[in-house]
Amino acid sequence: MKNQSLQRIIKVFLVLIFAIGCSADSESDTADPYQLGGTYHDYRSCEEQDGNPVMEPMSDTTPESMSMPANNADMVPDVDVRSLLPGGSDDALQSGAYFLRIHLTEIDFFLDTQLEIDVSADESGSLLTELRLRAYKDDQVSEPFAIATDVTVDENRQFTAVFDNAVMPGAFSPTGSDVVFNLEFIGVITGSASICGYVQGEVITLDLMLQQSTFSGTPWAERMPDSPSSCGSNDVETGCDRIEPDACPDLVSGENTIMSCGIERTVRIHLPQSHSSQGAYKTVLLFHGINPDQVDDIEEDTAMNRLVDPFDFILISPYSRGLPIEWEQGRPGDNPDVALMDDLLTCAQATLGADPERLYLAGDSGGGMFATFLVSQFAETIAAAAINGGGIIFDMPNSNTNTMPIIYGWGGDCDVRYGQDFSTFASDAIPKLKSNGHLVAMCNHDTGHEWKPLFTPWYLEFLFAHRLNTPSPFEAGLTSNFPSFCTLD
């Protein structure tokens, strides 16, 4: 009996030791001290189908909620672009390779390609016998991903070339994942070695309708960084005036409107109970992703608004203009959304008591991509950034003298949305950020395309550990407060 009792005691003791050990090993991954709800393991599971990782929907996720928001068809005017083309040239177009620069004006993004054109042998050049469209990236050219044949040229030297179900390979696409197009090039021959015109159709992968995108083609050997992308001038005024501090509206807790770049914008603000305009508060600008509910959605996903009092900070969540990818981020430089960021920083300091040394940036999905975009332009202003499911779709400039600590989260092989692989975005963006001198804490939470409430406390802890122009306390490594899947290596 004594031996049996002793064995039971030892067994219970070992079970307790095991439980305590497991708890200690995973506490930073699963703890929920702010009662945000759920556990780390409540997220989606990743399975393989036909060799590809897919998400297994949770019970409360409907197909509608997982689909892309309605496309921009109602935003695009129905215009006969042929009437907008310039006069054509009587010169016969030469066969050969052309540098075809496409300006997707609907998202303000430039796409460089190679177009090989075979022209009929007769003197009129009234038949383009074959057009082969190739992707172009990092001085490499892909195999043809779209081909059009027997394209006629009319008496005005205009032509229409149709490329249906054209798949730009991920190795060459700006996003790193395959992109599917239905494209119609409506163009005009403007010389023996030049074409230009408009692009209509659809970027199927993004559910993006194209109506007045433009293109221009010049000899491949003459390609330049500033090669034209339309029949007209490339000189487009994109700059916006900024709000002066004394012209800022009085910002308050709740919904606010602000005129920025001549556009009335809406922004939601949460103030801590301790708030005084004479204070100096940590301030986070949080950018939502592609979702019709915009700010409501990002607040539900992150629960960041519920942490305003525990962490004693100001939360500012702007609404996008409802662009196809929500925020304008197709190329470096100024635009109305960059101006809004600037104006909100100015007015938060002027009217809310935001601490200029503790201004932070955060975003998820499309908002995470915009946050990545902003890093390259605001490192002299922002103390740190939290990016989840982000990425960058152009070569990131390094125009800042400052560097910014960044915590960058993504969801492993199942981090896929709208046909785009956000783990590929991460593997592309993180080295670029590091090469520009930014300290990057990498967090592969391996839960798919998600920013869930349990992530937010340690994202905020990372942000609030930093001040502008002050060395990061994490240069030697992260503390045990962070999940085991976060690393600097």
Protein backbone atom coordinates (compact mmCIF):
# COMPACT_ATOMS: atom_id res chain seq x y z
CA MET A 1 0.00 0.00 0.00
CA LYS A 2 2.79 2.35 0.92
CA ASN A 3 4.50 1.67 -2.40
CA GLN A 4 1.27 2.31 -4.33
CA SER A 5 0.70 5.58 -2.49
CA LEU A 6 4.26 6.65 -3.13
CA GLN A 7 3.89 5.82 -6.82
CA ARG A 8 0.70 7.91 -7.04
CA ILE A 9 2.45 10.84 -5.35
CA ILE A 10 5.41 10.61 -7.71
CA LYS A 11 3.07 10.38 -10.73
CA VAL A 12 1.11 13.47 -9.67
CA PHE A 13 4.37 15.32 -8.99
CA LEU A 14 5.72 14.49 -12.46
CA VAL A 15 2.47 15.57 -14.12
CA LEU A 16 2.62 18.89 -12.29
CA ILE A 17 6.25 19.42 -13.25
CA PHE A 18 5.42 18.65 -16.90
CA ALA A 19 2.45 21.02 -16.88
CA ILE A 20 4.48 23.81 -15.28
CA GLY A 21 7.28 23.25 -17.79
CA CYS A 22 4.91 23.38 -20.76
CA SER A 23 3.27 26.50 -19.38
CA ALA A 24 6.63 28.21 -18.95
CA ASP A 25 7.75 27.28 -22.45
CA SER A 26 4.66 28.69 -24.15
CA GLU A 27 3.53 31.49 -21.85
CA SER A 28 4.64 34.34 -24.10
CA ASP A 29 2.92 32.65 -27.05
CA THR A 30 -0.45 32.03 -25.40
CA ALA A 31 -0.89 34.41 -22.45
CA ASP A 32 -3.90 36.75 -22.52
CA PRO A 33 -3.40 39.17 -19.59
CA TYR A 34 -5.64 41.84 -21.16
CA GLN A 35 -8.61 39.46 -21.62
CA LEU A 36 -8.69 39.98 -25.37
CA GLY A 37 -10.17 36.55 -25.96
CA GLY A 38 -9.08 33.33 -27.61
CA THR A 39 -5.80 31.48 -27.50
CA TYR A 40 -2.90 31.26 -29.87
CA HIS A 41 -4.12 27.88 -31.12
CA ASP A 42 -7.64 29.10 -32.03
CA TYR A 43 -6.53 30.20 -35.48
CA ARG A 44 -6.85 28.57 -38.85
CA SER A 45 -5.08 25.33 -39.64
CA CYS A 46 -2.92 24.89 -42.70
CA GLU A 47 -3.43 21.89 -44.94
CA GLU A 48 -2.05 20.75 -48.28
CA GLN A 49 -4.22 20.41 -51.36
CA ASP A 50 -2.54 19.41 -54.61
CA GLY A 51 0.78 20.39 -53.07
CA ASN A 52 -0.37 23.92 -52.22
CA PRO A 53 -1.01 25.28 -48.74
CA VAL A 54 -4.61 26.38 -48.20
CA MET A 55 -6.61 27.79 -45.34
CA GLU A 56 -9.24 25.71 -43.62
CA PRO A 57 -12.04 28.19 -42.84
CA MET A 58 -13.14 28.60 -39.25
CA SER A 59 -16.80 27.95 -38.54
CA ASP A 60 -17.69 31.64 -38.34
CA THR A 61 -16.04 32.50 -41.66
CA THR A 62 -18.31 32.59 -44.69
CA PRO A 63 -17.10 32.51 -48.29
CA GLU A 64 -18.41 36.05 -48.70
CA SER A 65 -16.26 37.36 -45.85
CA MET A 66 -13.18 35.74 -47.37
CA SER A 67 -13.72 37.11 -50.87
CA MET A 68 -12.29 40.24 -52.41
CA PRO A 69 -14.48 43.33 -51.95
CA ALA A 70 -16.51 44.41 -54.96
CA ASN A 71 -14.27 45.55 -57.78
CA ASN A 72 -13.90 49.12 -58.95
CA ALA A 73 -16.12 48.80 -62.03
CA ASP A 74 -18.50 51.49 -60.77
CA MET A 75 -15.55 53.82 -60.17
CA VAL A 76 -14.25 53.60 -63.75
CA PRO A 77 -15.83 55.87 -66.37
CA ASP A 78 -16.90 54.25 -69.65
CA VAL A 79 -14.83 56.15 -72.21
CA ASP A 80 -14.13 55.42 -75.87
CA VAL A 81 -10.36 55.76 -75.59
CA ARG A 82 -9.88 55.52 -79.36
CA SER A 83 -11.06 59.10 -79.60
CA LEU A 84 -8.29 60.10 -77.18
CA LEU A 85 -5.45 58.61 -79.22
CA PRO A 86 -3.16 60.99 -81.14
CA GLY A 87 -2.84 60.87 -84.89
CA GLY A 88 -0.96 57.94 -86.32
CA SER A 89 2.17 57.86 -88.46
CA ASP A 90 2.26 56.65 -92.05
CA ASP A 91 5.56 54.93 -91.30
CA ALA A 92 5.37 51.16 -91.14
CA LEU A 93 6.17 49.81 -87.70
CA GLN A 94 9.42 47.86 -87.54
CA SER A 95 9.51 44.30 -86.28
CA GLY A 96 11.52 43.84 -83.10
CA ALA A 97 11.58 44.01 -79.32
CA TYR A 98 10.00 47.01 -77.60
CA PHE A 99 10.22 48.30 -74.06
CA LEU A 100 6.55 48.49 -73.10
CA ARG A 101 5.89 50.57 -70.00
CA ILE A 102 2.34 50.23 -68.67
CA HIS A 103 0.85 52.70 -66.21
CA LEU A 104 -1.96 51.06 -64.26
CA THR A 105 -3.54 54.39 -63.45
CA GLU A 106 -6.28 52.81 -61.34
CA ILE A 107 -3.65 51.97 -58.70
CA ASP A 108 -0.92 54.36 -59.93
CA PHE A 109 1.56 51.57 -60.59
CA PHE A 110 4.11 51.26 -63.40
CA LEU A 111 4.70 47.85 -64.94
CA ASP A 112 7.67 47.33 -67.26
CA THR A 113 7.45 44.57 -69.88
CA GLN A 114 8.97 43.53 -73.17
CA LEU A 115 6.77 43.30 -76.26
CA GLU A 116 8.10 41.49 -79.32
CA ILE A 117 6.27 42.46 -82.50
CA ASP A 118 6.34 40.68 -85.85
CA VAL A 119 5.00 42.88 -88.65
CA SER A 120 3.73 41.62 -92.02
CA ALA A 121 6.21 41.88 -94.85
CA ASP A 122 4.10 44.15 -97.09
CA GLU A 123 4.96 47.84 -97.21
CA SER A 124 1.76 49.01 -95.52
CA GLY A 125 2.50 47.26 -92.24
CA SER A 126 -1.24 46.79 -91.81
CA LEU A 127 -0.93 43.46 -90.02
CA LEU A 128 0.93 42.70 -86.81
CA THR A 129 1.29 38.97 -87.26
CA GLU A 130 2.32 38.19 -83.69
CA LEU A 131 2.80 40.09 -80.43
CA ARG A 132 4.58 38.32 -77.56
CA LEU A 133 4.38 39.90 -74.12
CA ARG A 134 7.16 39.06 -71.66
CA ALA A 135 7.63 40.05 -68.03
CA TYR A 136 10.70 42.10 -67.12
CA LYS A 137 12.30 42.28 -63.68
CA ASP A 138 15.83 42.83 -62.38
CA ASP A 139 17.21 42.96 -65.94
CA GLN A 140 15.77 39.52 -66.67
CA VAL A 141 13.07 38.73 -69.24
CA SER A 142 10.58 35.88 -68.90
CA GLU A 143 9.27 33.54 -71.52
CA PRO A 144 6.19 34.96 -73.28
CA PHE A 145 3.22 34.89 -70.91
CA ALA A 146 0.73 36.24 -73.46
CA ILE A 147 0.51 36.08 -77.25
CA ALA A 148 -1.78 37.85 -79.73
CA THR A 149 -1.85 37.02 -83.43
CA ASP A 150 -3.06 38.65 -86.65
CA VAL A 151 -3.71 42.11 -85.19
CA THR A 152 -4.90 44.47 -87.91
CA VAL A 153 -3.89 48.13 -88.21
CA ASP A 154 -6.64 50.42 -89.55
CA GLU A 155 -6.37 53.48 -91.77
CA ASN A 156 -5.80 55.70 -88.72
CA ARG A 157 -2.85 53.46 -87.74
CA GLN A 158 -4.79 52.24 -84.72
CA PHE A 159 -4.88 48.63 -83.51
CA THR A 160 -6.39 46.48 -80.76
CA ALA A 161 -4.45 43.55 -79.30
CA VAL A 162 -6.24 41.21 -76.88
CA PHE A 163 -4.46 39.00 -74.34
CA ASP A 164 -6.92 36.78 -72.47
CA ASN A 165 -6.05 34.80 -69.34
CA ALA A 166 -2.48 36.03 -69.42
CA VAL A 167 -0.58 34.75 -66.37
CA MET A 168 2.44 36.78 -65.35
CA PRO A 169 4.69 34.33 -63.46
CA GLY A 170 5.32 35.02 -59.80
CA ALA A 171 9.09 35.07 -60.30
CA PHE A 172 8.62 38.20 -62.43
CA SER A 173 5.48 39.81 -61.00
CA PRO A 174 5.73 42.79 -58.63
CA THR A 175 4.02 40.79 -55.87
CA GLY A 176 6.08 37.61 -56.15
CA SER A 177 2.95 35.55 -56.93
CA ASP A 178 1.25 34.74 -60.24
CA VAL A 179 -1.02 37.52 -61.50
CA VAL A 180 -3.76 36.79 -64.05
CA PHE A 181 -4.87 39.44 -66.56
CA ASN A 182 -7.40 39.93 -69.33
CA LEU A 183 -5.83 42.81 -71.26
CA GLU A 184 -6.86 44.78 -74.31
CA PHE A 185 -4.25 47.15 -75.72
CA ILE A 186 -5.90 49.89 -77.79
CA GLY A 187 -3.04 51.69 -79.45
CA VAL A 188 -1.71 53.71 -82.31
CA ILE A 189 1.52 53.54 -84.30
CA THR A 190 3.21 56.92 -83.84
CA GLY A 191 6.41 56.19 -85.73
CA SER A 192 8.47 53.44 -87.28
CA ALA A 193 9.62 52.40 -83.79
CA SER A 194 7.01 53.75 -81.39
CA ILE A 195 3.50 52.87 -80.22
CA CYS A 196 1.29 54.13 -77.42
CA GLY A 197 -2.28 53.95 -76.20
CA TYR A 198 -4.61 52.68 -73.51
CA VAL A 199 -5.07 49.44 -71.63
CA GLN A 200 -8.50 48.09 -70.72
CA GLY A 201 -9.62 44.82 -69.20
CA GLU A 202 -9.12 43.32 -65.77
CA VAL A 203 -6.45 42.23 -63.33
CA ILE A 204 -8.38 39.07 -62.46
CA THR A 205 -6.26 38.20 -59.43
CA LEU A 206 -7.07 41.53 -57.78
CA ASP A 207 -10.58 41.89 -59.23
CA LEU A 208 -9.37 45.21 -60.61
CA MET A 209 -11.05 46.70 -63.67
CA LEU A 210 -8.88 48.71 -66.06
CA GLN A 211 -10.37 51.41 -68.26
CA GLN A 212 -7.88 54.24 -68.74
CA SER A 213 -4.54 52.68 -67.95
CA THR A 214 -1.92 53.67 -70.51
CA PHE A 215 1.15 52.29 -72.27
CA SER A 216 4.00 53.36 -74.48
CA GLY A 217 6.45 51.25 -76.46
CA THR A 218 9.94 52.29 -77.59
CA PRO A 219 12.88 50.24 -78.90
CA TRP A 220 14.16 47.79 -76.31
CA ALA A 221 17.75 48.96 -76.68
CA GLU A 222 16.68 52.53 -75.83
CA ARG A 223 14.85 51.74 -72.56
CA MET A 224 15.41 54.27 -69.78
CA PRO A 225 14.19 54.69 -66.17
CA ASP A 226 12.10 57.64 -67.33
CA SER A 227 10.78 56.04 -70.52
CA PRO A 228 7.25 57.22 -71.33
CA SER A 229 4.18 55.27 -70.24
CA SER A 230 1.53 57.02 -72.32
CA CYS A 231 0.98 59.00 -75.49
CA GLY A 232 1.36 62.23 -73.54
CA SER A 233 3.86 63.65 -71.10
CA ASN A 234 5.06 61.80 -68.02
CA ASP A 235 5.10 65.05 -66.08
CA VAL A 236 2.17 64.49 -63.72
CA GLU A 237 1.79 66.78 -60.71
CA THR A 238 1.43 64.57 -57.65
CA GLY A 239 2.50 66.90 -54.84
CA CYS A 240 0.12 68.02 -52.10
CA ASP A 241 0.27 71.01 -49.79
CA ARG A 242 0.54 70.20 -46.09
CA ILE A 243 -1.52 71.53 -43.20
CA GLU A 244 0.25 74.03 -40.96
CA PRO A 245 -0.09 73.36 -37.20
CA ASP A 246 -2.19 76.49 -36.60
CA ALA A 247 -4.63 75.42 -39.35
CA CYS A 248 -5.37 72.00 -37.84
CA PRO A 249 -8.96 71.17 -36.89
CA ASP A 250 -9.71 70.34 -33.27
CA LEU A 251 -9.38 66.56 -33.18
CA VAL A 252 -11.49 64.72 -30.61
CA SER A 253 -12.22 61.17 -29.51
CA GLY A 254 -14.45 59.47 -32.09
CA GLU A 255 -14.98 60.19 -35.80
CA ASN A 256 -13.23 63.27 -37.22
CA THR A 257 -12.95 64.87 -40.64
CA ILE A 258 -9.87 66.63 -41.93
CA MET A 259 -9.17 68.32 -45.26
CA SER A 260 -5.94 66.87 -46.62
CA CYS A 261 -4.61 67.41 -50.13
CA GLY A 262 -7.94 69.03 -50.98
CA ILE A 263 -9.86 65.87 -50.02
CA GLU A 264 -12.15 65.48 -47.02
CA ARG A 265 -10.87 62.50 -45.07
CA THR A 266 -12.35 60.64 -42.11
CA VAL A 267 -10.32 59.37 -39.19
CA ARG A 268 -11.28 57.61 -35.96
CA ILE A 269 -9.45 58.57 -32.77
CA HIS A 270 -9.32 56.83 -29.40
CA LEU A 271 -7.95 58.81 -26.45
CA PRO A 272 -6.92 57.31 -23.10
CA GLN A 273 -8.90 58.30 -20.01
CA SER A 274 -5.83 60.11 -18.74
CA HIS A 275 -5.75 62.34 -21.81
CA SER A 276 -4.87 66.01 -21.59
CA SER A 277 -3.92 68.15 -24.57
CA GLN A 278 -1.02 69.42 -22.47
CA GLY A 279 0.42 65.92 -22.14
CA ALA A 280 2.93 64.06 -24.29
CA TYR A 281 1.39 60.78 -25.40
CA LYS A 282 2.57 57.78 -27.31
CA THR A 283 0.61 57.80 -30.59
CA VAL A 284 -0.06 54.99 -33.07
CA LEU A 285 -1.38 55.46 -36.61
CA LEU A 286 -3.10 52.20 -37.59
CA PHE A 287 -3.91 51.46 -41.25
CA HIS A 288 -6.62 48.96 -42.18
CA GLY A 289 -6.50 46.46 -45.03
CA ILE A 290 -8.79 45.65 -47.95
CA ASN A 291 -12.21 45.39 -46.37
CA PRO A 292 -15.47 47.29 -46.84
CA ASP A 293 -15.72 47.75 -43.05
CA GLN A 294 -12.32 49.46 -42.98
CA VAL A 295 -11.65 50.79 -39.45
CA ASP A 296 -14.30 48.58 -37.81
CA ASP A 297 -12.54 45.56 -39.28
CA ILE A 298 -9.03 46.48 -38.14
CA GLU A 299 -10.30 47.24 -34.64
CA GLU A 300 -12.11 43.91 -34.44
CA ASP A 301 -9.05 42.02 -35.70
CA THR A 302 -6.42 43.72 -33.54
CA ALA A 303 -8.45 44.93 -30.51
CA MET A 304 -5.92 47.76 -30.38
CA ASN A 305 -8.64 50.21 -29.36
CA ARG A 306 -9.24 48.09 -26.24
CA LEU A 307 -5.62 48.59 -25.20
CA VAL A 308 -5.61 52.39 -25.33
CA ASP A 309 -6.12 52.70 -21.56
CA PRO A 310 -3.88 49.83 -20.38
CA PHE A 311 -1.00 51.14 -22.51
CA ASP A 312 -1.97 54.85 -22.14
CA PHE A 313 -1.62 55.92 -25.77
CA ILE A 314 -3.51 57.71 -28.56
CA LEU A 315 -4.81 55.55 -31.42
CA ILE A 316 -5.50 57.16 -34.80
CA SER A 317 -7.14 55.00 -37.50
CA PRO A 318 -7.68 56.71 -40.88
CA TYR A 319 -10.25 55.54 -43.41
CA SER A 320 -8.95 54.92 -46.92
CA ARG A 321 -10.48 56.43 -50.05
CA GLY A 322 -11.67 52.97 -51.08
CA LEU A 323 -9.08 52.51 -53.81
CA PRO A 324 -8.70 49.03 -55.31
CA ILE A 325 -5.86 48.27 -52.87
CA GLU A 326 -7.15 50.84 -50.33
CA TRP A 327 -4.00 52.96 -49.99
CA GLU A 328 -2.02 54.65 -52.76
CA GLN A 329 1.33 52.87 -52.75
CA GLY A 330 2.16 52.02 -56.34
CA ARG A 331 5.37 54.03 -56.51
CA PRO A 332 7.65 56.08 -54.26
CA GLY A 333 6.85 59.73 -53.77
CA ASP A 334 4.06 62.02 -52.71
CA ASN A 335 0.35 61.25 -53.03
CA PRO A 336 -2.86 62.10 -51.10
CA ASP A 337 -2.43 59.19 -48.66
CA VAL A 338 1.16 60.17 -47.86
CA ALA A 339 -0.10 63.72 -47.35
CA LEU A 340 -2.78 62.43 -44.96
CA MET A 341 -0.11 60.63 -42.92
CA ASP A 342 1.90 63.86 -42.74
CA ASP A 343 -1.12 65.99 -41.81
CA LEU A 344 -2.29 63.58 -39.10
CA LEU A 345 1.15 63.60 -37.51
CA THR A 346 1.18 67.40 -37.57
CA CYS A 347 -2.32 67.79 -36.15
CA ALA A 348 -1.95 65.06 -33.54
CA GLN A 349 0.97 66.97 -32.11
CA ALA A 350 -0.74 70.36 -32.46
CA THR A 351 -4.12 69.45 -30.92
CA LEU A 352 -3.85 66.14 -29.05
CA GLY A 353 -0.50 66.31 -27.30
CA ALA A 354 1.16 63.56 -29.32
CA ASP A 355 4.80 63.17 -28.28
CA PRO A 356 6.99 63.91 -31.34
CA GLU A 357 9.56 61.39 -30.09
CA ARG A 358 6.97 58.61 -29.71
CA LEU A 359 5.03 58.47 -32.98
CA TYR A 360 4.42 54.96 -34.29
CA LEU A 361 3.10 53.27 -37.42
CA ALA A 362 1.12 50.03 -37.75
CA GLY A 363 -0.85 48.25 -40.47
CA ASP A 364 -2.28 44.89 -41.49
CA SER A 365 -2.62 43.31 -44.95
CA GLY A 366 -3.17 46.16 -47.43
CA GLY A 367 -2.53 48.51 -44.52
CA GLY A 368 0.61 46.52 -43.72
CA MET A 369 1.77 47.03 -47.28
CA PHE A 370 1.08 50.75 -46.94
CA ALA A 371 2.98 50.79 -43.63
CA THR A 372 5.94 49.14 -45.39
CA PHE A 373 5.65 51.80 -48.09
CA LEU A 374 5.66 54.58 -45.47
CA VAL A 375 8.79 53.26 -43.73
CA SER A 376 10.85 54.46 -46.68
CA GLN A 377 9.50 58.00 -46.34
CA PHE A 378 8.98 58.61 -42.62
CA ALA A 379 12.03 57.14 -40.86
CA GLU A 380 13.02 60.64 -39.76
CA THR A 381 9.65 61.08 -38.02
CA ILE A 382 8.40 57.66 -36.88
CA ALA A 383 10.04 55.98 -33.88
CA ALA A 384 9.07 52.37 -34.79
CA ALA A 385 6.65 50.37 -36.94
CA ALA A 386 4.55 47.20 -36.55
CA ILE A 387 3.78 45.51 -39.87
CA ASN A 388 1.60 42.43 -40.20
CA GLY A 389 0.98 40.77 -43.57
CA GLY A 390 2.76 43.59 -45.36
CA GLY A 391 5.10 43.87 -48.31
CA ILE A 392 6.41 46.21 -50.96
CA ILE A 393 5.79 46.13 -54.72
CA PHE A 394 8.66 48.28 -55.95
CA ASP A 395 12.36 48.72 -55.24
CA MET A 396 12.40 50.37 -51.85
CA PRO A 397 14.33 53.65 -51.84
CA ASN A 398 16.69 54.48 -49.00
CA SER A 399 16.40 58.23 -48.86
CA ASN A 400 16.36 58.56 -45.07
CA THR A 401 19.30 59.39 -42.86
CA ASN A 402 17.52 57.67 -39.95
CA THR A 403 16.64 54.03 -39.53
CA MET A 404 13.54 52.63 -37.88
CA PRO A 405 13.03 49.55 -35.66
CA ILE A 406 10.34 47.33 -37.17
CA ILE A 407 8.46 44.30 -35.93
CA TYR A 408 7.26 42.37 -38.96
CA GLY A 409 4.71 39.56 -38.64
CA TRP A 410 3.40 37.12 -41.22
CA GLY A 411 1.50 33.84 -41.19
CA GLY A 412 3.71 31.22 -42.81
CA ASP A 413 2.81 29.17 -45.86
CA CYS A 414 -0.91 29.84 -45.40
CA ASP A 415 -0.52 33.62 -45.43
CA VAL A 416 -2.31 33.90 -48.78
CA ARG A 417 -5.03 36.37 -49.71
CA TYR A 418 -6.44 37.34 -53.12
CA GLY A 419 -4.08 34.84 -54.73
CA GLN A 420 -1.03 36.62 -53.35
CA ASP A 421 1.51 34.94 -51.07
CA PHE A 422 2.33 37.24 -48.17
CA SER A 423 5.12 34.97 -46.97
CA THR A 424 6.78 35.72 -50.32
CA PHE A 425 6.17 39.41 -49.65
CA ALA A 426 7.90 38.97 -46.28
CA SER A 427 10.90 37.11 -47.72
CA ASP A 428 11.30 39.94 -50.24
CA ALA A 429 10.59 42.95 -48.01
CA ILE A 430 12.57 41.99 -44.90
CA PRO A 431 15.98 41.78 -46.63
CA LYS A 432 15.27 45.13 -48.30
CA LEU A 433 14.40 46.70 -44.95
CA LYS A 434 17.52 45.25 -43.36
CA SER A 435 19.74 46.37 -46.24
CA ASN A 436 18.50 49.91 -45.64
CA GLY A 437 19.73 49.68 -42.05
CA HIS A 438 16.42 49.06 -40.29
CA LEU A 439 16.41 46.69 -37.31
CA VAL A 440 13.73 44.07 -38.06
CA ALA A 441 12.19 41.67 -35.54
CA MET A 442 10.72 38.84 -37.62
CA CYS A 443 7.63 37.03 -36.30
CA ASN A 444 6.36 34.10 -38.37
CA HIS A 445 3.25 33.35 -36.31
CA ASP A 446 2.28 30.67 -38.87
CA THR A 447 -1.47 31.28 -38.51
CA GLY A 448 -2.28 32.53 -41.99
CA HIS A 449 -3.32 35.99 -43.08
CA GLU A 450 -4.29 37.15 -39.61
CA TRP A 451 -3.57 39.83 -37.04
CA LYS A 452 -5.43 38.65 -33.99
CA PRO A 453 -5.88 40.36 -30.60
CA LEU A 454 -3.27 38.23 -28.82
CA PHE A 455 -0.59 39.59 -31.14
CA THR A 456 -1.30 43.22 -30.28
CA PRO A 457 0.20 43.50 -26.76
CA TRP A 458 3.65 42.41 -27.88
CA TYR A 459 3.44 44.46 -31.07
CA LEU A 460 2.73 47.48 -28.85
CA GLU A 461 5.44 46.49 -26.38
CA PHE A 462 7.93 46.52 -29.23
CA LEU A 463 6.74 49.92 -30.48
CA PHE A 464 6.67 51.61 -27.10
CA ALA A 465 10.17 50.44 -26.20
CA HIS A 466 11.49 52.92 -28.78
CA ARG A 467 11.95 56.66 -29.01
CA LEU A 468 12.97 58.60 -32.09
CA ASN A 469 16.74 58.88 -32.58
CA THR A 470 17.40 56.50 -29.67
CA PRO A 471 19.14 53.11 -30.00
CA SER A 472 16.82 50.12 -29.83
CA PRO A 473 16.91 48.14 -26.57
CA PHE A 474 16.55 45.00 -28.69
CA GLU A 475 19.75 45.31 -30.70
CA ALA A 476 21.22 42.39 -28.75
CA GLY A 477 18.02 40.35 -29.01
CA LEU A 478 14.37 40.23 -27.97
CA THR A 479 13.34 39.60 -24.39
CA SER A 480 11.38 36.60 -23.12
CA ASN A 481 8.21 38.73 -23.21
CA PHE A 482 8.02 38.10 -26.94
CA PRO A 483 6.74 34.87 -28.49
CA SER A 484 9.22 32.15 -29.30
CA PHE A 485 8.54 32.60 -33.02
CA CYS A 486 9.92 36.18 -32.99
CA THR A 487 13.62 36.57 -33.75
CA LEU A 488 16.17 39.04 -35.03
CA ASP A 489 18.12 36.35 -36.94
